[in-house]
C-alpha cells in the first residue's frame, strides 16, 4: 500500500458575507435552502484549514477541510463578532501539524500483532485524551511549545515566548468552544479552575474593594526568568520594539531608492528580481513617518500634495478626519498628525501622476463596479471595507487595495530582509513594524538636541498616536544605547524649525510645516 504523508494547508477567504441559512420544503415536498436577507455578518478575512494528503512523489491525492476547526473559526465571527481570526488559524495550523507528527510516530511504531487496545494508547486524535494527563495531546503540545522556546537548538524553529503563549491560549479557546457546545471527551483536555481576585476599587466606585472571578486552566505556559540584561530587573528588550541598525538600514535604503532589486527564491534557486515601486514607497513611508502598515495602506490621493521648494517637511494627517485608517488599542479610528519629509512627499506626488498609478486606479474602479454588479456587498460593508469613492495610493496590479493584501507586504519585506542578510552576512530579524520604532527613536534623538526629554517624548508620542506616554517609553528605553537606522533627517529637515509651529497646527492635509 503506497505511503501517504499528511500536512495542514490553509485557504484564505476575504471578504465575504455570511447569511443565515433557512431550510424549508417547496410545493413538491423537496427541501430547499434559502438565506436570510436581514442581519448579514460581514467577515473581513478568515483562514480555513485543510488536511492535505500526498503520495511518495509529492502529488496531492486527497484534500478535505478540517471541519472541527473551520466551524470554530466561523463561530468566532458569527457568534462573537470578531473582525479577524488569523491568530486562531495560525495557532491551530501549528497545533494540528504537531498532531500529525505524533500520528506519524505512532504509525511507525504500530505493530498489528503486538498492539493491545486494553494497554496501548490508540492513534492520537485531537479529541482523544489519554488516561494520564502528561500523555494527553493538550499537555504534550504545551511541553513542545516550552521546548521550542527554551531548548530548541535550531534557531529557525524557535518560537518567541509571546508567540508560544498566544498559540497555547488559542488552542485552549478551541477546546473551550467544544466544551461549551456539550462535547464529551473521554478525559478532560485540561483542568479548569476559578481564581477570585480582590483589588482596590477606582475612585468612581462606592466600594473600597472589588472582586473578579478569573477562569483559568492548568495549561498555563510558565517560563523561567529571562537571562537577558545580565540578570538585571526590568522587562527584557522586545524584538518588535527594536530599531533597525545603521548597517541594515543603509542596505535597505539602497534597495528602496537605488536598485529596487531583491534576491528571491525562484524554483529553489536564488535570483535577483525587481521590487515594485509601490513596495519601495510603502516601506519608505513607514520608515519616515512612523505609521503602521495598516495606516500606510489606506493613504489616498487627497493626502498627497506637491511640496514647495525650500520647505523641509509637512504635516500628514491620518485617521477618520482625513479619510484614512488608524487603529488604537480599542479599535477606534482616531485622527492624528505626524511629519513627513518633503522629499518623500514629492516621490508620492510624482508616483500619483504616473501612468502606472493611473492604470491601477482604473482597474480599482472597474473592480468596484464588478463587485457591485455581482452583489458582493462585503467588499464594501465589511470591517475596513473598500470606499469606492477614494483613490487609494497603494493598489495592486489588479486594482486591489493594499490593505486587503497585507500578507503580500510581509512577503515583500521578507525578500528585502533576506537580501540584506545575504549582503551583510547578518541575522536581521526585524519586521515591517520595526520601521516604526526606528522612526520614533531617531526623532526622539533629534528633538533632544533642542528641548527637554519630557517635551521630546510628548511630541514623539503625538506623532505615533499613543494615548499613554508609557507606551512610547517602551520604544525609547533603548534609545540611549541601541544602534538605529541612519539619521535620515540630518539633510532633510531641521527639527527645530519643523516643530516651531506644533502649537499652531494646520489641518494636516499635506500642510506645510
Protein backbone atom coordinates (compact mmCIF):
# COMPACT_ATOMS: atom_id res chain seq x y z
CA UNK A 1 0.00 0.00 0.00
CA UNK A 2 1.55 3.34 -1.01
CA UNK A 3 2.58 5.61 1.84
CA UNK A 4 0.66 8.86 2.17
CA UNK A 5 2.01 11.80 4.13
CA UNK A 6 -0.25 14.50 5.51
CA UNK A 7 0.10 18.21 6.10
CA UNK A 8 -2.10 21.11 7.12
CA UNK A 9 -2.80 23.76 4.48
CA UNK A 10 -4.85 26.93 4.63
CA UNK A 11 -7.41 28.61 2.40
CA UNK A 12 -7.98 32.31 2.89
CA UNK A 13 -11.32 33.87 2.05
CA UNK A 14 -11.83 37.65 2.13
CA UNK A 15 -14.05 39.50 2.36
CA UNK A 16 -17.40 37.75 2.30
CA UNK A 17 -20.87 37.95 3.81
CA UNK A 18 -22.44 35.21 5.89
CA UNK A 19 -26.23 34.97 5.77
CA UNK A 20 -28.19 32.60 7.98
CA UNK A 21 -29.42 29.56 6.00
CA UNK A 22 -33.13 28.81 6.24
CA UNK A 23 -34.28 25.30 5.29
CA UNK A 24 -37.82 24.78 4.03
CA UNK A 25 -39.96 22.47 1.89
CA UNK A 26 -41.21 23.59 -1.51
CA UNK A 27 -44.58 22.77 -3.10
CA UNK A 28 -43.18 19.49 -4.43
CA UNK A 29 -42.10 18.34 -0.99
CA UNK A 30 -38.42 18.87 -1.77
CA UNK A 31 -36.11 20.51 0.78
CA UNK A 32 -34.88 23.95 -0.24
CA UNK A 33 -32.27 26.22 1.29
CA UNK A 34 -32.75 29.98 1.35
CA UNK A 35 -30.65 32.64 3.01
CA UNK A 36 -31.91 35.33 5.34
CA UNK A 37 -31.79 38.84 3.91
CA UNK A 38 -31.56 40.52 7.32
CA UNK A 39 -28.68 40.75 9.81
CA UNK A 40 -25.85 39.67 7.49
CA UNK A 41 -22.41 39.15 9.04
CA UNK A 42 -19.65 40.79 7.01
CA UNK A 43 -16.36 38.96 7.55
CA UNK A 44 -13.21 40.85 6.66
CA UNK A 45 -10.99 37.79 6.38
CA UNK A 46 -10.97 34.18 7.50
CA UNK A 47 -8.42 31.40 7.01
CA UNK A 48 -9.83 27.87 6.83
CA UNK A 49 -7.75 24.75 7.46
CA UNK A 50 -7.47 21.71 5.21
CA UNK A 51 -5.81 18.31 5.57
CA UNK A 52 -3.70 17.54 2.51
CA UNK A 53 -2.51 14.02 1.64
CA UNK A 54 0.49 13.49 -0.65
CA UNK A 55 1.92 10.35 -2.21
CA UNK A 56 5.61 9.45 -2.22
CA UNK A 57 6.15 11.65 -5.29
CA UNK A 58 4.65 14.69 -3.59
CA UNK A 59 1.43 14.66 -5.60
CA UNK A 60 -1.78 15.65 -3.82
CA UNK A 61 -4.02 12.60 -3.54
CA UNK A 62 -6.55 13.91 -1.00
CA UNK A 63 -7.79 17.18 0.41
CA UNK A 64 -10.53 17.70 2.93
CA UNK A 65 -11.45 20.55 5.26
CA UNK A 66 -10.73 20.20 8.97
CA UNK A 67 -14.37 20.76 9.79
CA UNK A 68 -13.98 20.99 13.57
CA UNK A 69 -11.53 23.87 13.22
CA UNK A 70 -13.46 25.67 10.49
CA UNK A 71 -16.70 25.55 12.49
CA UNK A 72 -14.85 27.05 15.44
CA UNK A 73 -13.41 29.84 13.29
CA UNK A 74 -16.80 30.70 11.80
CA UNK A 75 -18.28 30.88 15.29
CA UNK A 76 -15.62 33.45 16.27
CA UNK A 77 -17.04 35.75 13.59
CA UNK A 78 -20.74 34.95 13.64
CA UNK A 79 -21.34 34.49 17.37
CA UNK A 80 -18.56 36.60 18.89
CA UNK A 81 -18.40 39.37 16.29
CA UNK A 82 -14.66 39.02 15.73
CA UNK A 83 -13.19 41.09 12.90
CA UNK A 84 -10.42 38.61 12.16
CA UNK A 85 -9.41 35.12 13.24
CA UNK A 86 -5.96 34.79 11.69
CA UNK A 87 -4.25 34.27 15.05
CA UNK A 88 -6.63 31.39 15.79
CA UNK A 89 -5.85 29.90 12.37
CA UNK A 90 -2.07 30.19 12.81
CA UNK A 91 -2.22 28.57 16.23
CA UNK A 92 -4.40 25.70 15.05
CA UNK A 93 -2.21 25.11 11.99
CA UNK A 94 0.72 24.75 14.39
CA UNK A 95 -1.28 22.51 16.75
CA UNK A 96 -2.64 20.16 14.08
CA UNK A 97 0.78 19.97 12.42
CA UNK A 98 2.12 18.82 15.79
CA UNK A 99 -0.69 16.25 15.96
CA UNK A 100 0.29 14.92 12.52
CA UNK A 101 3.88 14.40 13.75
CA UNK A 102 2.56 12.37 16.70
CA UNK A 103 0.40 10.30 14.35
CA UNK A 104 3.38 9.61 12.08
CA UNK A 105 5.43 8.46 15.06
CA UNK A 106 2.56 6.22 16.22
CA UNK A 107 2.22 4.73 12.72
CA UNK A 108 5.94 3.89 12.63
CA UNK A 109 5.77 2.07 15.96
CA UNK A 110 2.44 0.34 15.38
CA UNK A 111 2.55 -3.44 15.07
CA UNK A 112 -0.81 -5.09 14.48
CA UNK A 113 0.32 -8.35 16.09
CA UNK A 114 1.65 -6.70 19.25
CA UNK A 115 -0.91 -3.95 19.72
CA UNK A 116 -3.16 -4.43 22.76
CA UNK A 117 -6.07 -1.97 22.83
CA UNK A 118 -6.51 -2.54 26.58
CA UNK A 119 -2.96 -1.40 27.33
CA UNK A 120 -1.63 0.61 24.41
CA UNK A 121 -2.89 4.08 23.52
CA UNK A 122 -4.86 4.39 20.27
CA UNK A 123 -3.70 6.53 17.37
CA UNK A 124 -3.61 10.19 18.53
CA UNK A 125 -6.51 12.41 17.53
CA UNK A 126 -7.48 15.90 18.62
CA UNK A 127 -10.42 14.67 20.69
CA UNK A 128 -8.92 11.60 22.37
CA UNK A 129 -7.45 12.27 25.82
CA UNK A 130 -5.21 9.63 27.36
CA UNK A 131 -5.76 8.50 30.95
CA UNK A 132 -2.55 10.15 32.11
CA UNK A 133 -2.54 13.94 31.77
CA UNK A 134 1.07 14.00 30.61
CA UNK A 135 0.11 11.86 27.60
CA UNK A 136 -2.89 13.93 26.51
CA UNK A 137 -2.47 15.89 23.29
CA UNK A 138 -3.03 19.25 25.02
CA UNK A 139 -0.30 18.66 27.62
CA UNK A 140 2.07 17.18 25.05
CA UNK A 141 1.58 20.31 22.96
CA UNK A 142 2.33 22.55 25.93
CA UNK A 143 5.59 20.66 26.56
CA UNK A 144 6.54 21.00 22.89
CA UNK A 145 5.90 24.76 22.99
CA UNK A 146 8.11 25.18 26.07
CA UNK A 147 10.86 23.18 24.38
CA UNK A 148 10.65 25.30 21.22
CA UNK A 149 11.11 28.46 23.29
CA UNK A 150 13.76 27.37 25.79
CA UNK A 151 15.72 24.42 24.40
CA UNK A 152 15.27 24.24 20.61
CA UNK A 153 18.83 24.27 19.16
CA UNK A 154 17.72 25.20 15.62
CA UNK A 155 17.19 28.99 15.58
CA UNK A 156 14.82 28.75 12.63
CA UNK A 157 12.47 26.54 14.68
CA UNK A 158 12.48 28.60 17.86
CA UNK A 159 9.36 30.41 18.99
CA UNK A 160 9.16 33.68 20.85
CA UNK A 161 7.59 33.42 24.29
CA UNK A 162 4.73 35.68 23.23
CA UNK A 163 4.06 33.50 20.16
CA UNK A 164 4.07 30.28 22.18
CA UNK A 165 1.72 31.81 24.76
CA UNK A 166 -0.64 33.02 22.02
CA UNK A 167 -0.65 29.57 20.40
CA UNK A 168 -1.48 27.89 23.71
CA UNK A 169 -4.26 30.35 24.50
CA UNK A 170 -5.85 29.91 21.10
CA UNK A 171 -5.74 26.12 21.35
CA UNK A 172 -7.37 26.40 24.76
CA UNK A 173 -10.06 28.58 23.19
CA UNK A 174 -10.66 25.87 20.59
CA UNK A 175 -11.24 23.21 23.25
CA UNK A 176 -13.33 25.53 25.43
CA UNK A 177 -15.58 26.15 22.45
CA UNK A 178 -16.36 22.45 22.11
CA UNK A 179 -16.78 22.02 25.86
CA UNK A 180 -19.40 24.79 25.77
CA UNK A 181 -21.04 23.03 22.84
CA UNK A 182 -21.51 20.00 25.07
CA UNK A 183 -18.91 17.72 23.50
CA UNK A 184 -17.98 14.89 25.84
CA UNK A 185 -14.31 13.91 25.93
CA UNK A 186 -13.23 10.54 27.33
CA UNK A 187 -10.97 12.52 29.71
CA UNK A 188 -10.82 16.28 30.30
CA UNK A 189 -8.50 18.11 27.85
CA UNK A 190 -7.35 20.27 30.80
CA UNK A 191 -8.21 21.06 34.38
CA UNK A 192 -10.33 24.13 34.96
CA UNK A 193 -10.10 26.45 37.94
CA UNK A 194 -11.62 29.74 39.06
CA UNK A 195 -9.45 32.30 40.86
CA UNK A 196 -11.11 35.03 42.92
CA UNK A 197 -9.11 38.26 42.68
CA UNK A 198 -9.54 41.13 45.17
CA UNK A 199 -8.36 44.61 44.19
CA UNK A 200 -8.78 48.21 45.23
CA UNK A 201 -11.66 49.94 43.50
CA UNK A 202 -11.26 53.11 41.46
CA UNK A 203 -12.30 56.48 42.76
CA UNK A 204 -15.50 56.28 40.72
CA UNK A 205 -16.80 53.29 42.69
CA UNK A 206 -18.63 53.50 46.00
CA UNK A 207 -16.91 50.30 47.11
CA UNK A 208 -13.44 50.31 48.63
CA UNK A 209 -12.53 46.93 47.14
CA UNK A 210 -13.88 44.84 44.30
CA UNK A 211 -13.60 41.19 43.31
CA UNK A 212 -13.30 39.48 39.94
CA UNK A 213 -13.59 35.83 39.04
CA UNK A 214 -10.88 34.70 36.61
CA UNK A 215 -11.40 31.41 34.81
CA UNK A 216 -8.09 29.71 34.14
CA UNK A 217 -6.59 26.27 33.49
CA UNK A 218 -3.56 24.23 34.46
CA UNK A 219 -2.23 24.51 30.91
CA UNK A 220 -0.59 27.89 31.52
CA UNK A 221 2.85 28.34 29.99
CA UNK A 222 5.36 29.23 32.69
CA UNK A 223 8.83 30.22 31.57
CA UNK A 224 11.92 30.82 33.70
CA UNK A 225 13.03 34.42 34.08
CA UNK A 226 14.98 35.77 31.16
CA UNK A 227 18.75 35.81 31.48
CA UNK A 228 18.99 38.94 29.35
CA UNK A 229 20.16 42.28 30.71
CA UNK A 230 22.76 40.41 32.81
CA UNK A 231 20.08 39.39 35.25
CA UNK A 232 19.03 42.98 35.89
CA UNK A 233 15.49 43.77 36.85
CA UNK A 234 13.07 45.10 34.32
CA UNK A 235 11.40 43.97 31.17
CA UNK A 236 13.73 42.42 28.59
CA UNK A 237 14.04 44.18 25.25
CA UNK A 238 11.29 43.17 22.84
CA UNK A 239 12.23 42.44 19.27
CA UNK A 240 9.12 44.15 17.91
CA UNK A 241 10.18 47.40 19.63
CA UNK A 242 13.77 47.34 18.40
CA UNK A 243 15.00 49.82 15.80
CA UNK A 244 16.76 48.72 12.63
CA UNK A 245 20.54 49.01 12.84
CA UNK A 246 22.57 51.55 10.87
CA UNK A 247 24.16 48.97 8.60
CA UNK A 248 20.92 47.18 7.86
CA UNK A 249 19.04 50.38 7.08
CA UNK A 250 21.81 51.60 4.79
CA UNK A 251 21.37 48.47 2.67
CA UNK A 252 17.57 48.66 2.81
CA UNK A 253 17.69 52.27 1.63
CA UNK A 254 19.87 51.29 -1.34
CA UNK A 255 17.27 48.70 -2.31
CA UNK A 256 14.27 51.02 -1.90
CA UNK A 257 15.77 54.11 -3.56
CA UNK A 258 18.54 52.94 -5.91
CA UNK A 259 18.45 49.35 -7.16
CA UNK A 260 14.83 48.31 -6.44
CA UNK A 261 16.01 44.73 -6.70
CA UNK A 262 15.92 41.88 -4.18
CA UNK A 263 17.07 38.28 -4.04
CA UNK A 264 14.11 35.90 -4.31
CA UNK A 265 13.89 32.12 -4.22
CA UNK A 266 12.64 31.09 -7.68
CA UNK A 267 12.12 27.34 -8.11
CA UNK A 268 14.64 26.65 -5.38
CA UNK A 269 17.28 28.99 -6.79
CA UNK A 270 18.16 32.49 -5.51
CA UNK A 271 17.67 35.09 -8.25
CA UNK A 272 17.73 38.88 -8.45
CA UNK A 273 14.24 40.20 -9.22
CA UNK A 274 12.67 43.64 -9.38
CA UNK A 275 10.87 45.08 -6.36
CA UNK A 276 7.79 47.04 -7.45
CA UNK A 277 7.95 50.76 -6.77
CA UNK A 278 4.76 50.54 -4.71
CA UNK A 279 6.52 48.41 -2.11
CA UNK A 280 9.57 50.69 -2.13
CA UNK A 281 7.40 53.74 -1.44
CA UNK A 282 5.38 51.86 1.15
CA UNK A 283 8.41 50.91 3.24
CA UNK A 284 9.90 54.39 2.92
CA UNK A 285 6.71 55.94 4.28
CA UNK A 286 6.70 53.55 7.22
CA UNK A 287 10.30 54.44 7.98
CA UNK A 288 9.93 58.20 7.61
CA UNK A 289 6.54 58.77 9.26
CA UNK A 290 6.16 56.09 11.93
CA UNK A 291 2.80 54.98 10.50
CA UNK A 292 1.72 51.39 10.99
CA UNK A 293 1.46 49.31 7.84
CA UNK A 294 -2.34 49.29 8.09
CA UNK A 295 -2.27 53.09 8.20
CA UNK A 296 0.09 53.46 5.23
CA UNK A 297 -2.09 51.07 3.23
CA UNK A 298 -5.15 53.36 3.46
CA UNK A 299 -3.48 56.61 2.34
CA UNK A 300 -5.29 58.22 -0.60
CA UNK A 301 -4.86 60.95 -3.18
CA UNK A 302 -6.34 63.77 -1.09
CA UNK A 303 -3.49 63.39 1.40
CA UNK A 304 -0.80 63.86 -1.25
CA UNK A 305 0.44 67.31 -2.37
CA UNK A 306 3.35 68.77 -4.29
CA UNK A 307 5.56 70.38 -1.61
CA UNK A 308 7.14 73.73 -2.48
CA UNK A 309 10.89 74.11 -2.78
CA UNK A 310 12.53 75.16 0.45
CA UNK A 311 10.04 73.52 2.79
CA UNK A 312 11.78 70.63 4.58
CA UNK A 313 8.72 68.82 5.89
CA UNK A 314 4.94 68.72 6.04
CA UNK A 315 2.26 67.64 8.43
CA UNK A 316 0.49 64.43 7.40
CA UNK A 317 -2.93 63.89 8.93
CA UNK A 318 -4.28 60.33 9.25
CA UNK A 319 -7.43 58.84 10.73
CA UNK A 320 -11.17 59.41 10.38
CA UNK A 321 -10.86 63.17 9.94
CA UNK A 322 -8.59 62.68 6.93
CA UNK A 323 -10.36 59.69 5.37
CA UNK A 324 -7.73 57.08 6.19
CA UNK A 325 -7.50 54.41 8.87
CA UNK A 326 -5.78 54.32 12.23
CA UNK A 327 -6.41 51.74 14.89
CA UNK A 328 -5.67 52.21 18.56
CA UNK A 329 -5.87 49.53 21.23
CA UNK A 330 -9.64 49.97 21.43
CA UNK A 331 -10.11 49.67 17.67
CA UNK A 332 -11.09 53.32 17.27
CA UNK A 333 -10.16 55.27 14.15
CA UNK A 334 -8.72 58.29 15.93
CA UNK A 335 -7.16 61.16 13.99
CA UNK A 336 -3.63 62.42 14.49
CA UNK A 337 -0.76 64.11 12.68
CA UNK A 338 2.75 63.01 12.03
CA UNK A 339 5.56 64.55 9.99
CA UNK A 340 6.69 63.56 6.53
CA UNK A 341 9.69 64.93 4.72
CA UNK A 342 9.10 66.93 1.56
CA UNK A 343 11.44 64.55 -0.26
CA UNK A 344 9.20 61.57 0.44
CA UNK A 345 6.01 63.55 -0.24
CA UNK A 346 7.39 64.61 -3.63
CA UNK A 347 8.08 60.96 -4.52
CA UNK A 348 4.45 60.15 -3.70
CA UNK A 349 3.19 63.12 -5.71
CA UNK A 350 5.19 62.07 -8.77
CA UNK A 351 4.05 58.47 -8.44
CA UNK A 352 0.41 59.57 -8.22
CA UNK A 353 0.77 61.39 -11.54
CA UNK A 354 2.41 58.41 -13.29
CA UNK A 355 0.73 56.32 -15.98
CA UNK A 356 1.46 53.24 -13.87
CA UNK A 357 -0.67 54.52 -10.99
CA UNK A 358 -3.45 55.73 -13.31
CA UNK A 359 -3.73 52.26 -14.84
CA UNK A 360 -4.01 50.70 -11.40
CA UNK A 361 -6.61 53.25 -10.36
CA UNK A 362 -8.69 52.44 -13.45
CA UNK A 363 -8.55 48.75 -12.55
CA UNK A 364 -9.61 49.60 -9.00
CA UNK A 365 -12.69 51.44 -10.26
CA UNK A 366 -13.51 48.57 -12.60
CA UNK A 367 -13.13 46.10 -9.72
CA UNK A 368 -15.53 48.11 -7.57
CA UNK A 369 -18.09 48.21 -10.39
CA UNK A 370 -17.75 44.44 -10.82
CA UNK A 371 -18.23 43.78 -7.10
CA UNK A 372 -21.34 45.98 -7.08
CA UNK A 373 -22.84 44.25 -10.08
CA UNK A 374 -22.19 40.82 -8.53
CA UNK A 375 -23.78 41.86 -5.23
CA UNK A 376 -20.62 41.31 -3.16
CA UNK A 377 -21.54 43.84 -0.52
CA UNK A 378 -18.95 42.52 1.93
CA UNK A 379 -16.25 44.07 -0.26
CA UNK A 380 -17.61 47.48 0.76
CA UNK A 381 -19.51 46.90 4.01
CA UNK A 382 -17.18 44.62 5.99
CA UNK A 383 -14.90 45.96 8.70
CA UNK A 384 -12.29 48.12 6.94
CA UNK A 385 -14.22 47.68 3.71
CA UNK A 386 -13.38 49.47 0.48
CA UNK A 387 -14.59 53.03 -0.10
CA UNK A 388 -15.15 53.14 -3.85
CA UNK A 389 -15.13 56.94 -3.79
CA UNK A 390 -11.49 57.11 -2.66
CA UNK A 391 -8.40 56.98 -4.82
CA UNK A 392 -6.20 54.78 -2.67
CA UNK A 393 -2.50 55.38 -3.20
CA UNK A 394 -1.38 51.76 -2.93
CA UNK A 395 -3.12 49.40 -5.34
CA UNK A 396 -2.04 46.07 -6.75
CA UNK A 397 -1.69 45.41 -10.46
CA UNK A 398 -5.27 44.11 -10.47
CA UNK A 399 -6.60 47.14 -8.60
CA UNK A 400 -6.92 45.57 -5.14
CA UNK A 401 -6.08 48.00 -2.28
CA UNK A 402 -3.02 47.01 -0.28
CA UNK A 403 -4.96 46.95 2.98
CA UNK A 404 -6.68 43.83 1.63
CA UNK A 405 -3.31 42.25 0.81
CA UNK A 406 -1.25 42.83 3.96
CA UNK A 407 0.26 39.34 3.75
CA UNK A 408 1.93 40.27 0.47
CA UNK A 409 3.54 43.25 2.19
CA UNK A 410 5.05 40.84 4.71
CA UNK A 411 6.30 38.63 1.87
CA UNK A 412 7.96 41.53 0.05
CA UNK A 413 9.54 42.76 3.28
CA UNK A 414 10.90 39.25 3.88
CA UNK A 415 12.60 39.42 0.48
CA UNK A 416 14.15 42.79 1.39
CA UNK A 417 15.27 41.43 4.76
CA UNK A 418 16.73 38.25 3.27
CA UNK A 419 18.63 40.29 0.69
CA UNK A 420 20.17 42.37 3.48
CA UNK A 421 21.08 39.19 5.34
CA UNK A 422 22.92 37.83 2.31
CA UNK A 423 24.72 41.11 1.54
CA UNK A 424 25.81 41.81 5.12
CA UNK A 425 26.04 38.24 6.36
CA UNK A 426 23.83 39.33 9.26
CA UNK A 427 20.95 37.76 11.13
CA UNK A 428 18.46 40.59 10.62
CA UNK A 429 15.10 39.65 12.20
CA UNK A 430 13.12 42.91 12.12
CA UNK A 431 9.63 43.01 10.61
CA UNK A 432 7.84 45.90 8.88
CA UNK A 433 6.65 47.10 12.28
CA UNK A 434 10.26 47.78 13.30
CA UNK A 435 10.26 50.73 10.91
CA UNK A 436 8.02 52.45 13.44
CA UNK A 437 10.40 52.36 16.46
CA UNK A 438 13.27 53.26 14.13
CA UNK A 439 11.43 56.45 13.19
CA UNK A 440 10.48 57.13 16.82
CA UNK A 441 13.97 56.72 18.27
CA UNK A 442 15.63 58.82 15.59
CA UNK A 443 13.07 61.57 16.02
CA UNK A 444 13.50 61.46 19.79
CA UNK A 445 17.27 61.77 19.50
CA UNK A 446 17.00 64.78 17.22
CA UNK A 447 14.50 66.53 19.43
CA UNK A 448 16.74 66.08 22.45
CA UNK A 449 19.19 68.47 20.82
CA UNK A 450 16.81 71.38 21.27
CA UNK A 451 14.36 70.51 24.07
CA UNK A 452 13.91 68.58 27.28
CA UNK A 453 13.33 64.85 27.29
CA UNK A 454 9.75 65.32 28.52
CA UNK A 455 8.95 67.68 25.64
CA UNK A 456 10.60 65.36 23.12
CA UNK A 457 8.73 62.36 24.47
CA UNK A 458 5.38 64.15 24.23
CA UNK A 459 5.97 65.13 20.61
CA UNK A 460 7.12 61.67 19.56
CA UNK A 461 4.10 60.18 21.31
CA UNK A 462 1.82 62.56 19.41
CA UNK A 463 3.28 61.51 16.05
CA UNK A 464 2.93 57.83 16.91
CA UNK A 465 -0.65 58.23 18.14
CA UNK A 466 -0.04 56.82 21.61
CA UNK A 467 -2.67 57.84 24.15
CA UNK A 468 -0.34 56.89 27.00
CA UNK A 469 3.24 58.16 27.21
CA UNK A 470 4.20 54.88 28.85
CA UNK A 471 3.60 53.15 25.52
CA UNK A 472 6.06 55.47 23.80
CA UNK A 473 8.58 54.90 26.57
CA UNK A 474 8.72 51.23 25.58
CA UNK A 475 10.12 52.34 22.23
CA UNK A 476 12.56 54.78 23.75
CA UNK A 477 14.03 52.75 26.60
CA UNK A 478 16.77 51.60 24.25
CA UNK A 479 17.33 54.98 22.58
CA UNK A 480 20.44 55.75 24.62
CA UNK A 481 22.48 52.68 23.71
CA UNK A 482 20.88 50.71 20.84
CA UNK A 483 22.14 51.35 17.29
CA UNK A 484 19.39 52.56 14.97
CA UNK A 485 18.77 53.33 11.36
CA UNK A 486 20.76 56.22 9.92
CA UNK A 487 19.76 59.72 10.90
CA UNK A 488 17.78 60.39 7.77
CA UNK A 489 16.64 63.84 8.70
CA UNK A 490 20.10 65.40 9.02
CA UNK A 491 19.95 66.51 5.41
CA UNK A 492 16.19 66.61 5.00
CA UNK A 493 14.89 68.82 7.78
CA UNK A 494 15.86 70.65 10.91
CA UNK A 495 13.57 69.52 13.67
CA UNK A 496 13.82 72.89 15.42
CA UNK A 497 12.03 74.55 12.55
CA UNK A 498 9.71 71.66 11.89
CA UNK A 499 8.20 71.78 15.35
CA UNK A 500 8.15 75.55 15.80
CA UNK A 501 4.51 75.54 14.65
CA UNK A 502 3.47 72.50 16.66
CA UNK A 503 1.31 74.62 18.93
CA UNK A 504 -0.43 76.16 15.90
CA UNK A 505 -1.05 73.18 13.65
CA UNK A 506 -2.76 73.42 10.30
CA UNK A 507 -5.38 70.97 9.12
CA UNK A 508 -2.94 68.18 8.24
CA UNK A 509 -3.90 67.58 4.61
CA UNK A 510 -0.41 67.92 3.24
CA UNK A 511 0.10 71.21 5.06
CA UNK A 512 3.49 72.84 5.20
CA UNK A 513 5.33 72.98 8.48
